[in-house]
Amino acid sequence: MAMNAGSPSYPGAVPIYAPGKEPLPPGLTEEDRAAYQQTKKWEGYAAMAMESCAVKTVLAGGAGFGIGAFFSLMSASFAYEDPLLRQQTQAGLKTHQKAREVLKDMGRGMWTSGKGFGKVGALFAGIECVIESYRAKNDIYNSVASGFVAGGILARNSGPKAAVGGGFAFAAFSAAIDLLFLRRESPEED
């Protein structure tokens, strides 16, 4: 039995309208029904994709890469402020060679910083999504737990004590961000 698109699915409930005969939004005619249903179908696909952990992880990694590259670009402007250091490192070069060296150095820094931020963003978002999917809740405990796991993974090469310390530090940072900047709906507001 097909239920109405967009209506809640209650077991045993009889649909009010026959499938394909639901009322159209204001301004649409019967000729627009096929296009409207196709649009609703693709909106559903997009919503399902945006809720998947893989897409959330890729988006967070890409956003982290962009933010890391931007931070590196901004901090690169301070790297060439010392005129004495600039004269020593770029002695004997023409202006276009100096510019090329500066841009290459900025690009390397942007790539390195972007990769680091992207890795952190993808790792945290992926772990948080998996924990949220497993718990079937969206609360602060997801971000704290994922912060602890991500911090431990990021510090794993420094030994077990550093991994636990990194986990606690990242968990505390995640909790602070969650409490200060995110507003979650309480169960009464649902």
Protein backbone atom coordinates (compact mmCIF):
# COMPACT_ATOMS: atom_id res chain seq x y z
CA MET A 1 0.00 0.00 0.00
CA ALA A 2 1.51 3.35 -1.04
CA MET A 3 1.30 6.21 1.39
CA ASN A 4 1.13 9.88 0.49
CA ALA A 5 4.49 11.49 -0.16
CA GLY A 6 5.38 13.77 2.72
CA SER A 7 2.74 12.41 5.10
CA PRO A 8 3.83 10.56 8.24
CA SER A 9 3.71 6.79 8.02
CA TYR A 10 1.43 5.41 10.72
CA PRO A 11 0.83 1.66 10.69
CA GLY A 12 -2.80 0.90 9.91
CA ALA A 13 -3.61 4.47 8.92
CA VAL A 14 -5.64 4.96 5.77
CA PRO A 15 -4.36 7.71 3.48
CA ILE A 16 -6.64 10.71 3.12
CA TYR A 17 -5.90 11.18 -0.59
CA ALA A 18 -5.21 8.60 -3.27
CA PRO A 19 -1.56 8.53 -4.37
CA GLY A 20 -1.03 11.10 -7.12
CA LYS A 21 -4.22 13.00 -6.21
CA GLU A 22 -2.92 15.01 -3.26
CA PRO A 23 -3.79 18.72 -3.27
CA LEU A 24 -1.21 20.87 -5.07
CA PRO A 25 0.42 23.93 -3.52
CA PRO A 26 -1.18 27.28 -4.40
CA GLY A 27 -0.27 28.51 -7.87
CA LEU A 28 0.20 25.07 -9.45
CA THR A 29 -2.20 23.50 -11.91
CA GLU A 30 -2.89 19.88 -12.81
CA GLU A 31 -0.44 20.20 -15.71
CA ASP A 32 2.30 20.92 -13.16
CA ARG A 33 1.62 17.78 -11.11
CA ALA A 34 4.18 15.53 -12.87
CA ALA A 35 6.96 18.11 -12.55
CA TYR A 36 5.99 18.78 -8.93
CA GLN A 37 6.10 15.07 -8.06
CA GLN A 38 9.46 14.69 -9.81
CA THR A 39 10.82 17.64 -7.83
CA LYS A 40 9.54 16.17 -4.54
CA LYS A 41 11.14 12.84 -5.44
CA TRP A 42 14.55 14.44 -6.05
CA GLU A 43 14.22 16.50 -2.87
CA GLY A 44 13.77 13.23 -1.00
CA TYR A 45 16.88 11.78 -2.62
CA ALA A 46 18.88 14.90 -1.72
CA ALA A 47 17.66 14.77 1.89
CA MET A 48 18.62 11.09 2.16
CA ALA A 49 22.08 11.82 0.75
CA MET A 50 22.65 14.73 3.13
CA GLU A 51 21.77 12.52 6.09
CA SER A 52 24.32 9.83 5.15
CA CYS A 53 27.54 9.65 7.13
CA ALA A 54 29.67 9.43 3.99
CA VAL A 55 28.35 12.73 2.60
CA LYS A 56 28.64 14.47 5.97
CA THR A 57 32.24 13.27 6.28
CA VAL A 58 33.21 14.44 2.79
CA LEU A 59 31.55 17.83 3.28
CA ALA A 60 33.26 18.35 6.64
CA GLY A 61 36.61 17.33 5.17
CA GLY A 62 36.18 19.72 2.26
CA ALA A 63 35.12 22.57 4.52
CA GLY A 64 38.04 21.86 6.86
CA PHE A 65 40.42 21.88 3.90
CA GLY A 66 39.08 25.25 2.77
CA ILE A 67 39.28 26.79 6.24
CA GLY A 68 42.80 25.46 6.79
CA ALA A 69 43.97 26.81 3.44
CA PHE A 70 42.38 30.19 4.19
CA PHE A 71 44.03 30.41 7.63
CA SER A 72 47.37 29.56 6.08
CA LEU A 73 46.89 32.19 3.38
CA MET A 74 46.14 34.81 6.02
CA SER A 75 49.11 33.84 8.19
CA ALA A 76 51.45 33.76 5.16
CA SER A 77 51.13 37.52 4.90
CA PHE A 78 53.09 37.82 8.17
CA ALA A 79 55.89 35.48 7.08
CA TYR A 80 57.56 38.07 4.84
CA GLU A 81 57.32 41.09 7.12
CA ASP A 82 60.98 41.13 8.17
CA PRO A 83 62.92 43.03 5.47
CA LEU A 84 66.31 41.70 6.64
CA LEU A 85 65.12 38.11 6.44
CA ARG A 86 63.57 38.79 3.05
CA GLN A 87 66.87 40.21 1.73
CA GLN A 88 68.80 37.16 2.92
CA THR A 89 66.43 34.54 1.52
CA GLN A 90 65.75 36.27 -1.80
CA ALA A 91 69.18 37.78 -2.58
CA GLY A 92 70.05 37.84 -6.28
CA LEU A 93 66.53 37.02 -7.52
CA LYS A 94 64.54 39.09 -9.97
CA THR A 95 61.12 40.41 -8.99
CA HIS A 96 59.13 37.75 -10.84
CA GLN A 97 61.36 35.02 -9.35
CA LYS A 98 60.76 36.42 -5.87
CA ALA A 99 57.02 36.49 -6.49
CA ARG A 100 57.10 32.90 -7.76
CA GLU A 101 58.98 31.75 -4.64
CA VAL A 102 56.56 33.55 -2.34
CA LEU A 103 53.53 32.07 -4.12
CA LYS A 104 55.04 28.56 -4.10
CA ASP A 105 55.73 28.85 -0.38
CA MET A 106 52.19 30.10 0.26
CA GLY A 107 50.75 27.25 -1.82
CA ARG A 108 52.74 24.63 0.10
CA GLY A 109 51.60 26.10 3.39
CA MET A 110 47.98 26.25 2.25
CA TRP A 111 48.10 22.61 1.07
CA THR A 112 49.66 21.37 4.32
CA SER A 113 47.36 23.34 6.59
CA GLY A 114 44.31 22.47 4.49
CA LYS A 115 45.09 18.75 4.66
CA GLY A 116 45.43 18.92 8.44
CA PHE A 117 42.19 20.79 9.00
CA GLY A 118 40.39 18.59 6.46
CA LYS A 119 41.56 15.44 8.22
CA VAL A 120 40.37 16.71 11.59
CA GLY A 121 37.01 17.85 10.20
CA ALA A 122 36.34 14.61 8.31
CA LEU A 123 37.42 12.44 11.25
CA PHE A 124 35.28 14.30 13.78
CA ALA A 125 32.19 14.53 11.54
CA GLY A 126 32.40 10.88 10.51
CA ILE A 127 32.74 9.63 14.07
CA GLU A 128 29.99 11.93 15.32
CA CYS A 129 27.63 10.76 12.57
CA VAL A 130 28.27 7.10 13.35
CA ILE A 131 27.72 7.68 17.08
CA GLU A 132 24.56 9.70 16.39
CA SER A 133 23.24 6.98 14.09
CA TYR A 134 23.97 4.28 16.67
CA ARG A 135 22.41 6.20 19.58
CA ALA A 136 19.52 7.61 17.51
CA LYS A 137 19.83 10.86 19.49
CA ASN A 138 21.22 14.29 18.69
CA ASP A 139 22.67 15.69 21.90
CA ILE A 140 25.93 16.93 23.42
CA TYR A 141 27.09 13.43 24.33
CA ASN A 142 27.59 12.62 20.64
CA SER A 143 30.01 15.48 20.11
CA VAL A 144 31.86 14.84 23.38
CA ALA A 145 32.27 11.14 22.61
CA SER A 146 33.33 11.79 19.04
CA GLY A 147 35.74 14.48 20.26
CA PHE A 148 37.32 12.00 22.64
CA VAL A 149 37.69 9.32 19.95
CA ALA A 150 38.95 11.78 17.32
CA GLY A 151 41.41 13.37 19.74
CA GLY A 152 42.73 9.95 20.69
CA ILE A 153 43.14 8.94 17.05
CA LEU A 154 44.92 12.17 16.18
CA ALA A 155 47.37 11.78 19.10
CA ARG A 156 47.87 8.01 18.78
CA ASN A 157 51.43 8.26 17.43
CA SER A 158 52.63 10.00 20.59
CA GLY A 159 51.79 7.13 22.91
CA PRO A 160 48.84 6.00 25.03
CA LYS A 161 49.11 8.79 27.60
CA ALA A 162 49.08 11.44 24.85
CA ALA A 163 46.17 9.68 23.11
CA VAL A 164 44.07 9.80 26.27
CA GLY A 165 45.10 13.41 26.93
CA GLY A 166 44.33 14.37 23.35
CA GLY A 167 40.98 12.63 23.65
CA PHE A 168 40.08 14.55 26.80
CA ALA A 169 41.27 17.86 25.31
CA PHE A 170 39.30 17.39 22.09
CA ALA A 171 36.24 16.22 24.06
CA ALA A 172 36.40 19.34 26.24
CA PHE A 173 36.79 21.55 23.16
CA SER A 174 33.84 19.80 21.48
CA ALA A 175 31.70 20.28 24.58
CA ALA A 176 32.61 23.97 24.79
CA ILE A 177 31.76 24.55 21.12
CA ASP A 178 28.53 22.59 21.49
CA LEU A 179 27.45 24.49 24.61
CA LEU A 180 28.45 27.95 23.41
CA PHE A 181 27.50 27.92 19.74
CA LEU A 182 24.96 25.17 19.06
CA ARG A 183 21.37 25.12 20.18
CA ARG A 184 19.77 21.72 20.27
CA GLU A 185 16.07 21.15 20.65
CA SER A 186 15.03 19.68 23.95
CA PRO A 187 12.67 16.66 23.85
CA GLU A 188 9.76 18.87 24.99
CA GLU A 189 10.18 21.12 21.91
CA ASP A 190 9.92 18.23 19.40
